[in-house]
Amino acid sequence: MRRRRYTKWSGHYPPGSPSDWVADGHVTCNIQCHGGCGRRVDFRLKALPQDRPWSRVGWCLVCTVCGTAGAVNIVPNWHDRIGYAAPFSKGWR
């Protein structure tokens, strides 16, 4: 499998860094490939470099299916946020 590198900006990187999301109580993030395969992966934030912004981290991410580097969309997983998770109940709408 060859690694493809895009020459133009091809990812959707949020502002801030993984450490900002960890400080906000998030545990994982969802990363989706925009290189053609559409693969989605949940990734632990503690495993990412905490001292770099998302724009630097995103370019280092390589899809294991299609080999595209940097073409990702990164969003936090809101359902696993520490202190904010609430179970579904009968009254929930």
N, C-alpha and C. Protein backbone atom coordinates (compact mmCIF):
# COMPACT_ATOMS: atom_id res chain seq x y z
N MET A 1 0.84 -1.17 0.00
CA MET A 1 0.00 0.00 0.00
C MET A 1 0.90 1.24 0.00
N ARG A 2 0.64 2.14 -0.91
CA ARG A 2 1.41 3.38 -0.98
C ARG A 2 0.74 4.46 -0.15
N ARG A 3 1.55 5.29 0.40
CA ARG A 3 1.05 6.42 1.18
C ARG A 3 0.87 7.61 0.25
N ARG A 4 -0.35 8.12 0.18
CA ARG A 4 -0.64 9.29 -0.65
C ARG A 4 -0.62 10.54 0.22
N ARG A 5 0.02 11.57 -0.25
CA ARG A 5 0.09 12.83 0.48
C ARG A 5 -0.58 13.91 -0.36
N TYR A 6 -1.49 14.64 0.21
CA TYR A 6 -2.16 15.72 -0.50
C TYR A 6 -1.33 16.99 -0.41
N THR A 7 -1.26 17.74 -1.48
CA THR A 7 -0.48 18.97 -1.49
C THR A 7 -1.27 20.17 -1.01
N LYS A 8 -2.58 20.10 -1.04
CA LYS A 8 -3.40 21.19 -0.54
C LYS A 8 -4.04 20.77 0.78
N TRP A 9 -4.60 21.73 1.48
CA TRP A 9 -5.26 21.42 2.74
C TRP A 9 -6.44 20.50 2.46
N SER A 10 -6.46 19.35 3.07
CA SER A 10 -7.50 18.38 2.78
C SER A 10 -8.20 17.86 4.02
N GLY A 11 -7.84 18.37 5.18
CA GLY A 11 -8.47 17.88 6.40
C GLY A 11 -9.33 18.95 7.04
N HIS A 12 -10.16 18.52 7.96
CA HIS A 12 -10.99 19.43 8.73
C HIS A 12 -10.50 19.37 10.16
N TYR A 13 -9.62 20.29 10.51
CA TYR A 13 -9.00 20.26 11.82
C TYR A 13 -9.66 21.28 12.73
N PRO A 14 -10.04 20.88 13.93
CA PRO A 14 -10.64 21.82 14.87
C PRO A 14 -9.57 22.72 15.50
N PRO A 15 -9.97 23.83 16.09
CA PRO A 15 -8.99 24.67 16.78
C PRO A 15 -8.54 23.99 18.07
N GLY A 16 -7.42 24.40 18.59
CA GLY A 16 -6.92 23.86 19.84
C GLY A 16 -6.06 22.64 19.63
N SER A 17 -5.99 21.82 20.69
CA SER A 17 -5.14 20.64 20.67
C SER A 17 -5.82 19.51 21.44
N PRO A 18 -5.27 18.29 21.36
CA PRO A 18 -5.84 17.18 22.14
C PRO A 18 -5.85 17.48 23.64
N SER A 19 -4.86 18.20 24.14
CA SER A 19 -4.83 18.50 25.57
C SER A 19 -6.00 19.39 25.99
N ASP A 20 -6.46 20.26 25.08
CA ASP A 20 -7.64 21.09 25.38
C ASP A 20 -8.87 20.23 25.56
N TRP A 21 -9.01 19.21 24.71
CA TRP A 21 -10.18 18.33 24.81
C TRP A 21 -10.10 17.44 26.05
N VAL A 22 -8.90 17.01 26.42
CA VAL A 22 -8.74 16.21 27.64
C VAL A 22 -9.10 17.06 28.85
N ALA A 23 -8.66 18.32 28.86
CA ALA A 23 -8.98 19.23 29.96
C ALA A 23 -10.48 19.50 30.04
N ASP A 24 -11.17 19.42 28.91
CA ASP A 24 -12.61 19.63 28.87
C ASP A 24 -13.39 18.38 29.28
N GLY A 25 -12.68 17.28 29.51
CA GLY A 25 -13.34 16.06 29.98
C GLY A 25 -13.55 14.98 28.94
N HIS A 26 -13.11 15.20 27.72
CA HIS A 26 -13.27 14.19 26.67
C HIS A 26 -12.24 13.08 26.83
N VAL A 27 -12.62 11.87 26.44
CA VAL A 27 -11.74 10.72 26.53
C VAL A 27 -11.31 10.26 25.14
N THR A 28 -12.22 10.27 24.18
CA THR A 28 -11.93 9.81 22.83
C THR A 28 -12.38 10.84 21.80
N CYS A 29 -11.88 10.67 20.58
CA CYS A 29 -12.33 11.49 19.45
C CYS A 29 -12.64 10.56 18.29
N ASN A 30 -13.44 11.04 17.35
CA ASN A 30 -13.78 10.27 16.17
C ASN A 30 -13.02 10.86 14.99
N ILE A 31 -12.31 10.00 14.26
CA ILE A 31 -11.52 10.43 13.12
C ILE A 31 -12.08 9.74 11.88
N GLN A 32 -12.46 10.54 10.87
CA GLN A 32 -13.01 10.00 9.63
C GLN A 32 -12.08 10.33 8.47
N CYS A 33 -11.79 9.32 7.63
CA CYS A 33 -10.94 9.50 6.47
C CYS A 33 -11.72 10.16 5.33
N HIS A 34 -11.11 11.16 4.71
CA HIS A 34 -11.69 11.80 3.54
C HIS A 34 -10.90 11.47 2.29
N GLY A 35 -10.14 10.39 2.35
CA GLY A 35 -9.31 9.99 1.21
C GLY A 35 -10.01 9.08 0.24
N GLY A 36 -11.28 8.82 0.44
CA GLY A 36 -12.02 7.98 -0.50
C GLY A 36 -12.68 6.78 0.14
N CYS A 37 -12.14 6.30 1.26
CA CYS A 37 -12.72 5.09 1.86
C CYS A 37 -13.78 5.41 2.92
N GLY A 38 -13.71 6.58 3.56
CA GLY A 38 -14.71 6.97 4.55
C GLY A 38 -14.60 6.24 5.86
N ARG A 39 -13.48 5.63 6.15
CA ARG A 39 -13.30 4.86 7.40
C ARG A 39 -13.42 5.78 8.60
N ARG A 40 -14.07 5.28 9.66
CA ARG A 40 -14.23 6.01 10.91
C ARG A 40 -13.60 5.21 12.04
N VAL A 41 -12.88 5.92 12.92
CA VAL A 41 -12.19 5.28 14.02
C VAL A 41 -12.36 6.14 15.27
N ASP A 42 -12.64 5.50 16.41
CA ASP A 42 -12.60 6.19 17.70
C ASP A 42 -11.20 6.03 18.26
N PHE A 43 -10.60 7.13 18.69
CA PHE A 43 -9.21 7.12 19.12
C PHE A 43 -9.10 7.78 20.49
N ARG A 44 -8.30 7.20 21.38
CA ARG A 44 -8.10 7.77 22.71
C ARG A 44 -7.24 9.02 22.62
N LEU A 45 -7.69 10.09 23.23
CA LEU A 45 -6.98 11.37 23.18
C LEU A 45 -5.63 11.33 23.88
N LYS A 46 -5.50 10.52 24.92
CA LYS A 46 -4.23 10.42 25.65
C LYS A 46 -3.12 9.84 24.79
N ALA A 47 -3.47 9.11 23.71
CA ALA A 47 -2.46 8.49 22.85
C ALA A 47 -1.91 9.47 21.81
N LEU A 48 -2.50 10.64 21.70
CA LEU A 48 -2.05 11.65 20.73
C LEU A 48 -1.09 12.63 21.39
N PRO A 49 -0.23 13.29 20.60
CA PRO A 49 0.67 14.29 21.18
C PRO A 49 -0.12 15.45 21.79
N GLN A 50 0.15 15.74 23.05
CA GLN A 50 -0.62 16.74 23.77
C GLN A 50 -0.12 18.16 23.54
N ASP A 51 1.10 18.30 23.04
CA ASP A 51 1.70 19.62 22.91
C ASP A 51 1.59 20.22 21.51
N ARG A 52 0.89 19.56 20.61
CA ARG A 52 0.76 20.05 19.23
C ARG A 52 -0.70 20.36 18.90
N PRO A 53 -0.95 21.36 18.04
CA PRO A 53 -2.33 21.68 17.65
C PRO A 53 -2.88 20.61 16.70
N TRP A 54 -4.20 20.60 16.55
CA TRP A 54 -4.84 19.60 15.68
C TRP A 54 -4.35 19.70 14.24
N SER A 55 -4.02 20.89 13.78
CA SER A 55 -3.54 21.02 12.41
C SER A 55 -2.22 20.29 12.19
N ARG A 56 -1.39 20.16 13.21
CA ARG A 56 -0.14 19.40 13.09
C ARG A 56 -0.39 17.91 13.29
N VAL A 57 -1.26 17.57 14.24
CA VAL A 57 -1.57 16.15 14.51
C VAL A 57 -2.28 15.53 13.31
N GLY A 58 -3.21 16.27 12.71
CA GLY A 58 -4.00 15.75 11.59
C GLY A 58 -3.16 15.35 10.39
N TRP A 59 -2.11 16.12 10.09
CA TRP A 59 -1.26 15.79 8.94
C TRP A 59 -0.47 14.51 9.15
N CYS A 60 -0.29 14.09 10.40
CA CYS A 60 0.47 12.88 10.70
C CYS A 60 -0.39 11.62 10.69
N LEU A 61 -1.70 11.76 10.64
CA LEU A 61 -2.60 10.61 10.66
C LEU A 61 -2.69 10.01 9.26
N VAL A 62 -2.45 8.69 9.18
CA VAL A 62 -2.48 7.97 7.90
C VAL A 62 -3.53 6.88 7.99
N CYS A 63 -4.45 6.83 7.03
CA CYS A 63 -5.50 5.80 6.98
C CYS A 63 -4.86 4.44 6.68
N THR A 64 -5.21 3.43 7.46
CA THR A 64 -4.66 2.09 7.24
C THR A 64 -5.37 1.35 6.12
N VAL A 65 -6.51 1.87 5.65
CA VAL A 65 -7.24 1.21 4.57
C VAL A 65 -6.77 1.72 3.20
N CYS A 66 -6.81 3.05 3.01
CA CYS A 66 -6.47 3.60 1.68
C CYS A 66 -5.09 4.24 1.62
N GLY A 67 -4.43 4.46 2.76
CA GLY A 67 -3.09 5.02 2.77
C GLY A 67 -3.00 6.52 2.64
N THR A 68 -4.12 7.22 2.72
CA THR A 68 -4.12 8.67 2.60
C THR A 68 -3.65 9.31 3.90
N ALA A 69 -2.78 10.29 3.78
CA ALA A 69 -2.26 11.00 4.96
C ALA A 69 -2.87 12.39 5.04
N GLY A 70 -3.34 12.76 6.22
CA GLY A 70 -3.79 14.12 6.47
C GLY A 70 -5.20 14.46 6.06
N ALA A 71 -5.88 13.62 5.32
CA ALA A 71 -7.24 13.92 4.86
C ALA A 71 -8.24 13.35 5.85
N VAL A 72 -8.38 14.03 6.99
CA VAL A 72 -9.24 13.52 8.06
C VAL A 72 -10.15 14.62 8.60
N ASN A 73 -11.24 14.19 9.19
CA ASN A 73 -12.15 15.07 9.93
C ASN A 73 -12.10 14.58 11.37
N ILE A 74 -11.78 15.47 12.30
CA ILE A 74 -11.62 15.10 13.70
C ILE A 74 -12.69 15.81 14.52
N VAL A 75 -13.48 15.03 15.27
CA VAL A 75 -14.51 15.58 16.14
C VAL A 75 -14.46 14.87 17.49
N PRO A 76 -14.82 15.56 18.58
CA PRO A 76 -14.84 14.90 19.88
C PRO A 76 -16.05 13.98 20.01
N ASN A 77 -15.90 12.94 20.79
CA ASN A 77 -17.03 12.08 21.12
C ASN A 77 -17.69 12.65 22.37
N TRP A 78 -18.87 13.19 22.20
CA TRP A 78 -19.56 13.84 23.31
C TRP A 78 -20.15 12.84 24.29
N HIS A 79 -20.41 11.62 23.85
CA HIS A 79 -21.06 10.63 24.71
C HIS A 79 -20.15 10.10 25.82
N ASP A 80 -18.85 10.25 25.70
CA ASP A 80 -17.96 9.71 26.74
C ASP A 80 -17.29 10.79 27.57
N ARG A 81 -17.83 11.97 27.55
CA ARG A 81 -17.26 13.07 28.29
C ARG A 81 -17.39 12.82 29.79
N ILE A 82 -16.30 12.93 30.52
CA ILE A 82 -16.26 12.63 31.95
C ILE A 82 -17.13 13.63 32.71
N GLY A 83 -18.02 13.10 33.54
CA GLY A 83 -18.87 13.96 34.35
C GLY A 83 -20.13 14.43 33.67
N TYR A 84 -20.29 14.17 32.38
CA TYR A 84 -21.46 14.63 31.65
C TYR A 84 -22.28 13.51 31.04
N ALA A 85 -21.82 12.28 31.17
CA ALA A 85 -22.55 11.16 30.58
C ALA A 85 -23.81 10.90 31.41
N ALA A 86 -24.93 10.76 30.73
CA ALA A 86 -26.20 10.50 31.39
C ALA A 86 -26.87 9.32 30.72
N PRO A 87 -27.35 8.37 31.49
CA PRO A 87 -28.01 7.22 30.86
C PRO A 87 -29.36 7.62 30.26
N PHE A 88 -29.74 6.91 29.23
CA PHE A 88 -31.05 7.15 28.63
C PHE A 88 -32.15 6.68 29.59
N SER A 89 -33.23 7.39 29.64
CA SER A 89 -34.33 7.00 30.52
C SER A 89 -35.63 7.03 29.73
N LYS A 90 -36.70 6.59 30.33
CA LYS A 90 -38.00 6.54 29.66
C LYS A 90 -38.49 7.95 29.32
N GLY A 91 -38.14 8.93 30.13
CA GLY A 91 -38.60 10.29 29.88
C GLY A 91 -37.75 11.07 28.91
N TRP A 92 -36.69 10.48 28.45
CA TRP A 92 -35.79 11.18 27.52
C TRP A 92 -36.43 11.29 26.15
N ARG A 93 -36.31 12.42 25.50
CA ARG A 93 -36.86 12.60 24.16
C ARG A 93 -35.84 13.12 23.23
